[in-house]
Amino acid sequence: VIVSGVRTAIGNYGGALRDTPVVKLGSIVIREALKRVGLRPKRDLEVLSYAPEVFKDTGLTELEKKYFDWDDSLQEVRIDEVIMGNVLQAGQGQNTARQSAIYAGIPKEVNAYTVNKVCASGMKAIALAAQSIKTGDAEVIVAGGMENMSAALYYSPTARWGARIFNTEMVDGMVYDGLWETFYDYHMGLTSENIA
């Protein structure tokens, strides 16, 4: 059962959201989706009890204090997992789903992973969540998608091992990793025209 849904902010390419990290967009929708149904993530002390002695401090870390500022009037719910779709991950740091979850106030003990199925990444994340719930592996999963194409990096493929005193090529990461059909070697816009 889907109990809540929130759409990430939509902006013009290169517009007001161009400098907004994708993990911030993801964290905003995670937090808002939970708030809209009156829920907040539960810190699972039972999980902490299985942790090695060095990790048994059940107090909030400085990082958690920064983001775990939920309204006490919201009902606590144990979140089993966070699954988020994200295509253009280069330069965003490791595991964008986990970053978004922690920035949204989800406890660090909750597993999170990122899915990349290009345009269907968010839908695949939701499908994976549904499968986990149907099989009894989880009860509550936060799932969705997040993207900021305006924040896509340019790559310099030859810079690491050979540019030295020569010019180097710059590759648009948005096109290369998100909009280029690898096998037929053309832009996704042409693929859309071929299908239409």
N, C-alpha and C. Protein backbone atom coordinates (compact mmCIF):
# COMPACT_ATOMS: atom_id res chain seq x y z
N VAL A 1 0.84 -1.17 0.00
CA VAL A 1 0.00 0.00 0.00
C VAL A 1 0.89 1.24 0.00
N ILE A 2 0.65 2.12 -0.93
CA ILE A 2 1.36 3.40 -0.94
C ILE A 2 0.56 4.35 -0.06
N VAL A 3 1.21 4.88 0.97
CA VAL A 3 0.49 5.73 1.91
C VAL A 3 0.75 7.22 1.73
N SER A 4 1.76 7.56 0.97
CA SER A 4 2.05 8.98 0.77
C SER A 4 2.90 9.17 -0.48
N GLY A 5 2.78 10.34 -1.06
CA GLY A 5 3.59 10.65 -2.23
C GLY A 5 3.86 12.14 -2.30
N VAL A 6 5.06 12.48 -2.71
CA VAL A 6 5.47 13.87 -2.85
C VAL A 6 6.31 13.99 -4.11
N ARG A 7 6.10 15.03 -4.88
CA ARG A 7 6.85 15.27 -6.11
C ARG A 7 8.03 16.19 -5.80
N THR A 8 9.21 15.84 -6.31
CA THR A 8 10.35 16.75 -6.14
C THR A 8 10.07 18.05 -6.89
N ALA A 9 10.70 19.09 -6.44
CA ALA A 9 10.53 20.39 -7.09
C ALA A 9 10.97 20.30 -8.55
N ILE A 10 10.27 21.02 -9.41
CA ILE A 10 10.60 21.05 -10.83
C ILE A 10 11.04 22.48 -11.16
N GLY A 11 12.16 22.58 -11.82
CA GLY A 11 12.65 23.90 -12.22
C GLY A 11 13.13 23.88 -13.64
N ASN A 12 13.38 25.04 -14.19
CA ASN A 12 13.93 25.14 -15.54
C ASN A 12 15.38 24.68 -15.55
N TYR A 13 15.81 24.17 -16.69
CA TYR A 13 17.20 23.75 -16.84
C TYR A 13 18.10 24.97 -16.64
N GLY A 14 19.01 24.87 -15.70
CA GLY A 14 19.91 25.98 -15.39
C GLY A 14 19.25 27.07 -14.57
N GLY A 15 18.08 26.80 -14.02
CA GLY A 15 17.32 27.80 -13.28
C GLY A 15 17.63 27.84 -11.79
N ALA A 16 16.62 28.15 -11.00
CA ALA A 16 16.80 28.40 -9.57
C ALA A 16 17.33 27.19 -8.80
N LEU A 17 17.10 25.98 -9.29
CA LEU A 17 17.53 24.78 -8.57
C LEU A 17 18.88 24.24 -9.03
N ARG A 18 19.54 24.93 -9.95
CA ARG A 18 20.74 24.37 -10.56
C ARG A 18 21.86 24.06 -9.57
N ASP A 19 21.93 24.78 -8.47
CA ASP A 19 22.98 24.54 -7.48
C ASP A 19 22.50 23.70 -6.29
N THR A 20 21.30 23.17 -6.39
CA THR A 20 20.75 22.36 -5.31
C THR A 20 21.21 20.91 -5.47
N PRO A 21 21.94 20.38 -4.51
CA PRO A 21 22.38 18.98 -4.63
C PRO A 21 21.19 18.03 -4.70
N VAL A 22 21.34 17.00 -5.50
CA VAL A 22 20.25 16.04 -5.66
C VAL A 22 19.88 15.39 -4.32
N VAL A 23 20.86 15.21 -3.44
CA VAL A 23 20.56 14.58 -2.15
C VAL A 23 19.69 15.49 -1.28
N LYS A 24 19.79 16.79 -1.47
CA LYS A 24 18.91 17.71 -0.74
C LYS A 24 17.48 17.59 -1.27
N LEU A 25 17.33 17.53 -2.59
CA LEU A 25 16.00 17.33 -3.16
C LEU A 25 15.38 16.04 -2.64
N GLY A 26 16.19 14.97 -2.62
CA GLY A 26 15.71 13.68 -2.13
C GLY A 26 15.31 13.73 -0.67
N SER A 27 16.11 14.39 0.15
CA SER A 27 15.81 14.45 1.58
C SER A 27 14.53 15.24 1.85
N ILE A 28 14.29 16.27 1.07
CA ILE A 28 13.07 17.07 1.25
C ILE A 28 11.83 16.24 0.98
N VAL A 29 11.84 15.45 -0.09
CA VAL A 29 10.64 14.66 -0.40
C VAL A 29 10.46 13.50 0.57
N ILE A 30 11.54 12.91 1.05
CA ILE A 30 11.42 11.83 2.04
C ILE A 30 10.76 12.37 3.30
N ARG A 31 11.29 13.47 3.79
CA ARG A 31 10.76 14.06 5.03
C ARG A 31 9.29 14.48 4.86
N GLU A 32 8.99 15.12 3.74
CA GLU A 32 7.62 15.61 3.51
C GLU A 32 6.63 14.47 3.31
N ALA A 33 7.04 13.41 2.62
CA ALA A 33 6.14 12.27 2.42
C ALA A 33 5.75 11.65 3.76
N LEU A 34 6.69 11.56 4.68
CA LEU A 34 6.38 11.03 6.01
C LEU A 34 5.50 11.99 6.80
N LYS A 35 5.84 13.28 6.76
CA LYS A 35 5.07 14.27 7.52
C LYS A 35 3.61 14.34 7.07
N ARG A 36 3.37 14.20 5.77
CA ARG A 36 2.00 14.32 5.25
C ARG A 36 1.06 13.24 5.77
N VAL A 37 1.63 12.14 6.22
CA VAL A 37 0.78 11.09 6.80
C VAL A 37 0.99 10.99 8.31
N GLY A 38 1.60 12.01 8.90
CA GLY A 38 1.74 12.09 10.35
C GLY A 38 2.75 11.13 10.94
N LEU A 39 3.79 10.79 10.17
CA LEU A 39 4.79 9.83 10.65
C LEU A 39 6.17 10.47 10.77
N ARG A 40 6.98 9.88 11.63
CA ARG A 40 8.39 10.24 11.73
C ARG A 40 9.17 8.95 11.96
N PRO A 41 10.44 8.91 11.53
CA PRO A 41 11.21 7.68 11.68
C PRO A 41 11.53 7.38 13.14
N LYS A 42 11.49 6.11 13.47
CA LYS A 42 11.80 5.67 14.83
C LYS A 42 13.27 5.28 14.91
N ARG A 43 13.93 5.74 15.95
CA ARG A 43 15.30 5.28 16.22
C ARG A 43 15.19 3.92 16.87
N ASP A 44 15.71 2.91 16.21
CA ASP A 44 15.54 1.52 16.64
C ASP A 44 16.65 1.12 17.60
N LEU A 45 16.37 1.22 18.90
CA LEU A 45 17.38 0.88 19.89
C LEU A 45 17.65 -0.62 19.92
N GLU A 46 16.68 -1.42 19.45
CA GLU A 46 16.88 -2.87 19.37
C GLU A 46 18.01 -3.19 18.39
N VAL A 47 18.03 -2.49 17.26
CA VAL A 47 19.10 -2.68 16.28
C VAL A 47 20.44 -2.27 16.89
N LEU A 48 20.45 -1.17 17.61
CA LEU A 48 21.68 -0.70 18.24
C LEU A 48 22.22 -1.71 19.25
N SER A 49 21.33 -2.49 19.88
CA SER A 49 21.77 -3.45 20.89
C SER A 49 22.63 -4.56 20.29
N TYR A 50 22.51 -4.79 18.97
CA TYR A 50 23.32 -5.81 18.31
C TYR A 50 24.65 -5.26 17.80
N ALA A 51 24.83 -3.98 17.90
CA ALA A 51 26.04 -3.35 17.38
C ALA A 51 27.24 -3.69 18.25
N PRO A 52 28.44 -3.70 17.67
CA PRO A 52 29.65 -3.90 18.48
C PRO A 52 29.73 -2.85 19.58
N GLU A 53 30.42 -3.17 20.65
CA GLU A 53 30.50 -2.30 21.83
C GLU A 53 30.89 -0.87 21.48
N VAL A 54 31.79 -0.72 20.52
CA VAL A 54 32.27 0.61 20.16
C VAL A 54 31.16 1.49 19.58
N PHE A 55 30.07 0.86 19.04
CA PHE A 55 28.97 1.62 18.45
C PHE A 55 27.75 1.71 19.35
N LYS A 56 27.86 1.30 20.60
CA LYS A 56 26.66 1.19 21.44
C LYS A 56 26.18 2.49 22.06
N ASP A 57 26.80 3.58 21.76
CA ASP A 57 26.32 4.86 22.27
C ASP A 57 24.97 5.14 21.61
N THR A 58 23.90 5.08 22.41
CA THR A 58 22.56 5.26 21.84
C THR A 58 22.16 6.72 21.73
N GLY A 59 23.03 7.61 22.16
CA GLY A 59 22.73 9.03 21.99
C GLY A 59 22.88 9.43 20.53
N LEU A 60 22.28 10.54 20.17
CA LEU A 60 22.39 11.02 18.80
C LEU A 60 23.79 11.57 18.53
N THR A 61 24.32 11.24 17.38
CA THR A 61 25.60 11.81 16.97
C THR A 61 25.36 13.26 16.55
N GLU A 62 26.43 14.01 16.37
CA GLU A 62 26.29 15.40 15.93
C GLU A 62 25.56 15.49 14.59
N LEU A 63 25.87 14.55 13.69
CA LEU A 63 25.20 14.53 12.39
C LEU A 63 23.70 14.31 12.57
N GLU A 64 23.34 13.34 13.41
CA GLU A 64 21.92 13.05 13.61
C GLU A 64 21.20 14.21 14.30
N LYS A 65 21.87 14.85 15.24
CA LYS A 65 21.25 16.00 15.91
C LYS A 65 20.90 17.08 14.90
N LYS A 66 21.74 17.20 13.88
CA LYS A 66 21.54 18.24 12.87
C LYS A 66 20.27 17.98 12.05
N TYR A 67 19.96 16.71 11.78
CA TYR A 67 18.86 16.40 10.87
C TYR A 67 17.66 15.74 11.54
N PHE A 68 17.84 15.20 12.74
CA PHE A 68 16.74 14.50 13.41
C PHE A 68 15.97 15.48 14.28
N ASP A 69 15.25 16.39 13.65
CA ASP A 69 14.51 17.42 14.37
C ASP A 69 13.02 17.28 14.15
N TRP A 70 12.54 16.05 14.22
CA TRP A 70 11.14 15.76 13.92
C TRP A 70 10.21 16.28 15.02
N ASP A 71 9.02 16.62 14.62
CA ASP A 71 7.95 17.05 15.51
C ASP A 71 7.50 15.86 16.36
N ASP A 72 7.50 16.02 17.68
CA ASP A 72 7.11 14.92 18.57
C ASP A 72 5.64 14.54 18.45
N SER A 73 4.83 15.39 17.82
CA SER A 73 3.41 15.05 17.66
C SER A 73 3.20 14.01 16.56
N LEU A 74 4.22 13.76 15.75
CA LEU A 74 4.11 12.75 14.69
C LEU A 74 4.31 11.36 15.28
N GLN A 75 3.61 10.39 14.71
CA GLN A 75 3.70 9.01 15.19
C GLN A 75 5.00 8.36 14.68
N GLU A 76 5.68 7.66 15.57
CA GLU A 76 6.91 6.98 15.18
C GLU A 76 6.61 5.73 14.37
N VAL A 77 7.41 5.49 13.35
CA VAL A 77 7.29 4.28 12.55
C VAL A 77 8.70 3.75 12.26
N ARG A 78 8.84 2.43 12.33
CA ARG A 78 10.14 1.82 12.03
C ARG A 78 10.27 1.66 10.53
N ILE A 79 11.21 2.37 9.94
CA ILE A 79 11.46 2.27 8.50
C ILE A 79 12.51 1.19 8.28
N ASP A 80 12.19 0.24 7.42
CA ASP A 80 13.09 -0.89 7.18
C ASP A 80 14.17 -0.58 6.15
N GLU A 81 13.85 0.28 5.19
CA GLU A 81 14.80 0.51 4.10
C GLU A 81 14.41 1.77 3.32
N VAL A 82 15.39 2.36 2.66
CA VAL A 82 15.16 3.48 1.75
C VAL A 82 15.75 3.11 0.40
N ILE A 83 14.94 3.22 -0.66
CA ILE A 83 15.39 2.92 -2.02
C ILE A 83 15.06 4.14 -2.88
N MET A 84 16.07 4.73 -3.48
CA MET A 84 15.85 5.90 -4.31
C MET A 84 16.51 5.73 -5.67
N GLY A 85 15.80 6.12 -6.72
CA GLY A 85 16.35 6.11 -8.07
C GLY A 85 17.09 7.42 -8.34
N ASN A 86 18.24 7.30 -8.99
CA ASN A 86 19.04 8.49 -9.33
C ASN A 86 19.99 8.12 -10.46
N VAL A 87 19.91 8.83 -11.58
CA VAL A 87 20.73 8.50 -12.75
C VAL A 87 22.08 9.20 -12.70
N LEU A 88 22.08 10.50 -12.61
CA LEU A 88 23.32 11.28 -12.71
C LEU A 88 23.95 11.43 -11.33
N GLN A 89 24.69 10.41 -10.92
CA GLN A 89 25.25 10.36 -9.57
C GLN A 89 26.67 10.91 -9.46
N ALA A 90 27.35 11.08 -10.59
CA ALA A 90 28.75 11.53 -10.55
C ALA A 90 28.87 12.87 -9.83
N GLY A 91 29.82 12.94 -8.92
CA GLY A 91 30.07 14.18 -8.19
C GLY A 91 29.11 14.44 -7.05
N GLN A 92 28.17 13.53 -6.79
CA GLN A 92 27.20 13.73 -5.72
C GLN A 92 27.61 13.03 -4.42
N GLY A 93 28.70 12.27 -4.46
CA GLY A 93 29.13 11.51 -3.28
C GLY A 93 28.56 10.10 -3.34
N GLN A 94 29.03 9.27 -2.42
CA GLN A 94 28.62 7.87 -2.42
C GLN A 94 27.15 7.70 -2.06
N ASN A 95 26.51 6.74 -2.69
CA ASN A 95 25.16 6.28 -2.36
C ASN A 95 24.21 7.44 -2.06
N THR A 96 23.73 8.08 -3.08
CA THR A 96 22.87 9.26 -2.91
C THR A 96 21.60 8.95 -2.11
N ALA A 97 21.10 7.74 -2.20
CA ALA A 97 19.90 7.38 -1.41
C ALA A 97 20.21 7.43 0.08
N ARG A 98 21.35 6.92 0.46
CA ARG A 98 21.72 6.94 1.89
C ARG A 98 21.93 8.36 2.38
N GLN A 99 22.57 9.18 1.59
CA GLN A 99 22.75 10.58 1.99
C GLN A 99 21.40 11.26 2.19
N SER A 100 20.49 11.06 1.23
CA SER A 100 19.17 11.68 1.32
C SER A 100 18.42 11.19 2.55
N ALA A 101 18.53 9.90 2.83
CA ALA A 101 17.85 9.33 4.00
C ALA A 101 18.36 9.97 5.29
N ILE A 102 19.67 10.05 5.44
CA ILE A 102 20.24 10.62 6.66
C ILE A 102 19.90 12.11 6.77
N TYR A 103 20.00 12.85 5.66
CA TYR A 103 19.63 14.26 5.69
C TYR A 103 18.15 14.46 5.98
N ALA A 104 17.33 13.46 5.69
CA ALA A 104 15.89 13.55 5.98
C ALA A 104 15.57 13.16 7.42
N GLY A 105 16.58 12.73 8.17
CA GLY A 105 16.35 12.36 9.56
C GLY A 105 16.11 10.88 9.77
N ILE A 106 16.31 10.07 8.74
CA ILE A 106 16.19 8.62 8.89
C ILE A 106 17.42 8.14 9.66
N PRO A 107 17.26 7.29 10.68
CA PRO A 107 18.41 6.83 11.45
C PRO A 107 19.46 6.14 10.58
N LYS A 108 20.71 6.29 10.96
CA LYS A 108 21.82 5.73 10.18
C LYS A 108 21.79 4.21 10.13
N GLU A 109 21.07 3.58 11.05
CA GLU A 109 20.99 2.11 11.06
C GLU A 109 20.11 1.57 9.94
N VAL A 110 19.32 2.42 9.31
CA VAL A 110 18.41 1.99 8.24
C VAL A 110 19.19 1.87 6.93
N ASN A 111 19.08 0.71 6.31
CA ASN A 111 19.75 0.46 5.03
C ASN A 111 19.15 1.34 3.93
N ALA A 112 20.00 1.80 3.02
CA ALA A 112 19.52 2.58 1.87
C ALA A 112 20.39 2.25 0.67
N TYR A 113 19.75 2.17 -0.50
CA TYR A 113 20.54 1.98 -1.72
C TYR A 113 19.92 2.72 -2.89
N THR A 114 20.78 3.01 -3.87
CA THR A 114 20.41 3.80 -5.03
C THR A 114 20.26 2.91 -6.25
N VAL A 115 19.22 3.16 -7.04
CA VAL A 115 18.93 2.39 -8.25
C VAL A 115 19.13 3.29 -9.46
N ASN A 116 19.75 2.75 -10.51
CA ASN A 116 19.89 3.49 -11.76
C ASN A 116 19.35 2.64 -12.90
N LYS A 117 18.15 2.98 -13.34
CA LYS A 117 17.55 2.36 -14.51
C LYS A 117 17.12 3.48 -15.47
N VAL A 118 17.97 4.45 -15.57
CA VAL A 118 17.79 5.66 -16.37
C VAL A 118 16.41 6.26 -16.08
N CYS A 119 15.59 6.51 -17.08
CA CYS A 119 14.33 7.23 -16.86
C CYS A 119 13.36 6.50 -15.94
N ALA A 120 13.53 5.20 -15.79
CA ALA A 120 12.62 4.41 -14.96
C ALA A 120 13.18 4.16 -13.56
N SER A 121 14.19 4.90 -13.16
CA SER A 121 14.87 4.65 -11.88
C SER A 121 13.93 4.78 -10.68
N GLY A 122 13.17 5.86 -10.61
CA GLY A 122 12.24 6.06 -9.50
C GLY A 122 11.16 5.00 -9.45
N MET A 123 10.62 4.65 -10.62
CA MET A 123 9.59 3.60 -10.68
C MET A 123 10.17 2.25 -10.27
N LYS A 124 11.41 1.97 -10.67
CA LYS A 124 12.06 0.72 -10.28
C LYS A 124 12.26 0.67 -8.78
N ALA A 125 12.62 1.80 -8.18
CA ALA A 125 12.79 1.86 -6.73
C ALA A 125 11.48 1.51 -6.02
N ILE A 126 10.37 2.05 -6.52
CA ILE A 126 9.06 1.76 -5.94
C ILE A 126 8.70 0.29 -6.14
N ALA A 127 8.98 -0.26 -7.32
CA ALA A 127 8.70 -1.67 -7.59
C ALA A 127 9.52 -2.58 -6.67
N LEU A 128 10.78 -2.25 -6.45
CA LEU A 128 11.62 -3.04 -5.55
C LEU A 128 11.09 -2.98 -4.12
N ALA A 129 10.61 -1.81 -3.71
CA ALA A 129 10.02 -1.68 -2.38
C ALA A 129 8.78 -2.56 -2.25
N ALA A 130 7.93 -2.53 -3.27
CA ALA A 130 6.71 -3.36 -3.25
C ALA A 130 7.07 -4.84 -3.17
N GLN A 131 8.08 -5.27 -3.92
CA GLN A 131 8.50 -6.67 -3.88
C GLN A 131 8.98 -7.07 -2.49
N SER A 132 9.77 -6.21 -1.86
CA SER A 132 10.27 -6.51 -0.51
C SER A 132 9.14 -6.63 0.50
N ILE A 133 8.15 -5.78 0.36
CA ILE A 133 7.00 -5.83 1.27
C ILE A 133 6.17 -7.08 1.01
N LYS A 134 5.92 -7.40 -0.27
CA LYS A 134 5.13 -8.59 -0.61
C LYS A 134 5.78 -9.88 -0.14
N THR A 135 7.10 -9.94 -0.20
CA THR A 135 7.80 -11.16 0.22
C THR A 135 8.01 -11.24 1.72
N GLY A 136 7.62 -10.20 2.44
CA GLY A 136 7.76 -10.21 3.89
C GLY A 136 9.13 -9.79 4.39
N ASP A 137 9.98 -9.30 3.50
CA ASP A 137 11.31 -8.86 3.91
C ASP A 137 11.27 -7.51 4.62
N ALA A 138 10.20 -6.77 4.43
CA ALA A 138 10.08 -5.44 5.04
C ALA A 138 8.61 -5.10 5.23
N GLU A 139 8.35 -4.13 6.10
CA GLU A 139 6.99 -3.65 6.30
C GLU A 139 6.83 -2.21 5.82
N VAL A 140 7.83 -1.38 6.08
CA VAL A 140 7.77 0.02 5.70
C VAL A 140 9.05 0.39 4.95
N ILE A 141 8.87 0.85 3.71
CA ILE A 141 10.01 1.27 2.90
C ILE A 141 9.72 2.64 2.30
N VAL A 142 10.70 3.50 2.34
CA VAL A 142 10.61 4.78 1.65
C VAL A 142 11.26 4.58 0.29
N ALA A 143 10.53 4.91 -0.79
CA ALA A 143 11.06 4.70 -2.14
C ALA A 143 10.62 5.83 -3.06
N GLY A 144 11.45 6.11 -4.06
CA GLY A 144 11.11 7.15 -5.03
C GLY A 144 12.31 7.48 -5.90
N GLY A 145 12.28 8.65 -6.48
CA GLY A 145 13.36 9.07 -7.35
C GLY A 145 13.75 10.51 -7.10
N MET A 146 14.94 10.86 -7.56
CA MET A 146 15.45 12.23 -7.39
C MET A 146 16.46 12.49 -8.50
N GLU A 147 16.45 13.70 -9.02
CA GLU A 147 17.38 14.04 -10.10
C GLU A 147 17.54 15.56 -10.18
N ASN A 148 18.73 15.99 -10.55
CA ASN A 148 18.95 17.40 -10.87
C ASN A 148 19.89 17.46 -12.07
N MET A 149 19.30 17.47 -13.25
CA MET A 149 20.10 17.46 -14.48
C MET A 149 20.94 18.73 -14.62
N SER A 150 20.49 19.82 -14.04
CA SER A 150 21.25 21.07 -14.11
C SER A 150 22.57 20.96 -13.36
N ALA A 151 22.66 20.03 -12.42
CA ALA A 151 23.87 19.88 -11.61
C ALA A 151 24.84 18.84 -12.19
N ALA A 152 24.52 18.29 -13.36
CA ALA A 152 25.40 17.28 -13.96
C ALA A 152 26.76 17.87 -14.29
N LEU A 153 27.78 17.10 -14.03
CA LEU A 153 29.15 17.55 -14.24
C LEU A 153 29.60 17.37 -15.69
N TYR A 154 30.65 18.09 -16.04
CA TYR A 154 31.40 17.80 -17.26
C TYR A 154 32.57 16.91 -16.84
N TYR A 155 32.90 15.93 -17.68
CA TYR A 155 34.01 15.02 -17.38
C TYR A 155 35.19 15.35 -18.28
N SER A 156 36.36 15.04 -17.79
CA SER A 156 37.57 15.15 -18.59
C SER A 156 38.26 13.78 -18.57
N PRO A 157 37.83 12.87 -19.48
CA PRO A 157 38.27 11.48 -19.43
C PRO A 157 39.78 11.27 -19.51
N THR A 158 40.52 12.13 -20.20
CA THR A 158 41.96 11.90 -20.37
C THR A 158 42.80 12.63 -19.33
N ALA A 159 42.19 13.43 -18.49
CA ALA A 159 42.96 14.26 -17.56
C ALA A 159 43.75 13.46 -16.54
N ARG A 160 43.21 12.35 -16.06
CA ARG A 160 43.88 11.60 -15.00
C ARG A 160 45.23 11.05 -15.43
N TRP A 161 45.32 10.50 -16.64
CA TRP A 161 46.55 9.80 -17.02
C TRP A 161 47.27 10.38 -18.23
N GLY A 162 46.82 11.46 -18.81
CA GLY A 162 47.56 11.83 -19.99
C GLY A 162 47.44 13.23 -20.52
N ALA A 163 46.64 14.10 -19.95
CA ALA A 163 46.50 15.43 -20.52
C ALA A 163 47.82 16.21 -20.40
N ARG A 164 48.41 16.15 -19.24
CA ARG A 164 49.69 16.82 -18.95
C ARG A 164 49.75 18.23 -19.53
N ILE A 165 50.56 18.45 -20.54
CA ILE A 165 50.69 19.82 -21.08
C ILE A 165 49.87 20.00 -22.35
N PHE A 166 48.95 19.08 -22.62
CA PHE A 166 48.13 19.16 -23.83
C PHE A 166 46.69 19.52 -23.49
N ASN A 167 45.91 19.85 -24.51
CA ASN A 167 44.49 20.10 -24.33
C ASN A 167 43.79 18.79 -24.03
N THR A 168 42.62 18.89 -23.44
CA THR A 168 41.85 17.70 -23.13
C THR A 168 40.40 17.91 -23.53
N GLU A 169 39.71 16.84 -23.76
CA GLU A 169 38.30 16.89 -24.14
C GLU A 169 37.42 16.98 -22.90
N MET A 170 36.35 17.75 -22.99
CA MET A 170 35.34 17.81 -21.93
C MET A 170 34.08 17.12 -22.44
N VAL A 171 33.52 16.24 -21.62
CA VAL A 171 32.34 15.47 -22.00
C VAL A 171 31.19 15.88 -21.08
N ASP A 172 30.04 16.19 -21.64
CA ASP A 172 28.86 16.56 -20.86
C ASP A 172 28.30 15.32 -20.18
N GLY A 173 28.42 15.24 -18.86
CA GLY A 173 27.95 14.08 -18.11
C GLY A 173 26.46 13.85 -18.23
N MET A 174 25.69 14.92 -18.38
CA MET A 174 24.24 14.77 -18.52
C MET A 174 23.92 14.01 -19.80
N VAL A 175 24.59 14.36 -20.88
CA VAL A 175 24.35 13.68 -22.15
C VAL A 175 24.97 12.29 -22.11
N TYR A 176 26.23 12.20 -21.71
CA TYR A 176 26.97 10.93 -21.76
C TYR A 176 26.34 9.85 -20.88
N ASP A 177 25.97 10.19 -19.65
CA ASP A 177 25.43 9.19 -18.72
C ASP A 177 23.91 9.16 -18.65
N GLY A 178 23.24 10.14 -19.24
CA GLY A 178 21.80 10.17 -19.10
C GLY A 178 21.02 10.23 -20.38
N LEU A 179 21.57 10.83 -21.42
CA LEU A 179 20.76 11.08 -22.61
C LEU A 179 21.34 10.48 -23.89
N TRP A 180 22.39 9.66 -23.78
CA TRP A 180 23.01 9.12 -24.99
C TRP A 180 22.73 7.64 -25.11
N GLU A 181 22.21 7.22 -26.28
CA GLU A 181 21.93 5.81 -26.54
C GLU A 181 23.25 5.15 -26.94
N THR A 182 23.77 4.32 -26.06
CA THR A 182 25.11 3.76 -26.20
C THR A 182 25.28 2.88 -27.43
N PHE A 183 24.33 2.00 -27.70
CA PHE A 183 24.51 0.99 -28.75
C PHE A 183 24.36 1.54 -30.16
N TYR A 184 23.46 2.51 -30.34
CA TYR A 184 23.26 3.09 -31.67
C TYR A 184 23.95 4.45 -31.81
N ASP A 185 24.53 4.92 -30.71
CA ASP A 185 25.35 6.13 -30.70
C ASP A 185 24.61 7.38 -31.17
N TYR A 186 23.46 7.64 -30.54
CA TYR A 186 22.79 8.91 -30.79
C TYR A 186 22.00 9.37 -29.57
N HIS A 187 21.58 10.62 -29.62
CA HIS A 187 20.89 11.28 -28.51
C HIS A 187 19.52 10.65 -28.26
N MET A 188 19.11 10.61 -26.99
CA MET A 188 17.83 10.03 -26.62
C MET A 188 16.66 10.74 -27.30
N GLY A 189 16.79 12.02 -27.58
CA GLY A 189 15.73 12.74 -28.28
C GLY A 189 15.41 12.12 -29.62
N LEU A 190 16.44 11.64 -30.33
CA LEU A 190 16.22 10.95 -31.61
C LEU A 190 15.52 9.62 -31.39
N THR A 191 15.84 8.94 -30.30
CA THR A 191 15.16 7.68 -29.98
C THR A 191 13.67 7.93 -29.81
N SER A 192 13.33 9.01 -29.12
CA SER A 192 11.91 9.36 -28.93
C SER A 192 11.23 9.61 -30.26
N GLU A 193 11.92 10.31 -31.16
CA GLU A 193 11.35 10.57 -32.49
C GLU A 193 11.13 9.26 -33.25
N ASN A 194 12.05 8.32 -33.12
CA ASN A 194 11.92 7.04 -33.82
C ASN A 194 10.74 6.23 -33.30
N ILE A 195 10.46 6.34 -32.02
CA ILE A 195 9.36 5.58 -31.42
C ILE A 195 8.02 6.21 -31.77
N ALA A 196 7.97 7.53 -31.88
CA ALA A 196 6.70 8.26 -32.08
C ALA A 196 6.00 7.92 -33.36
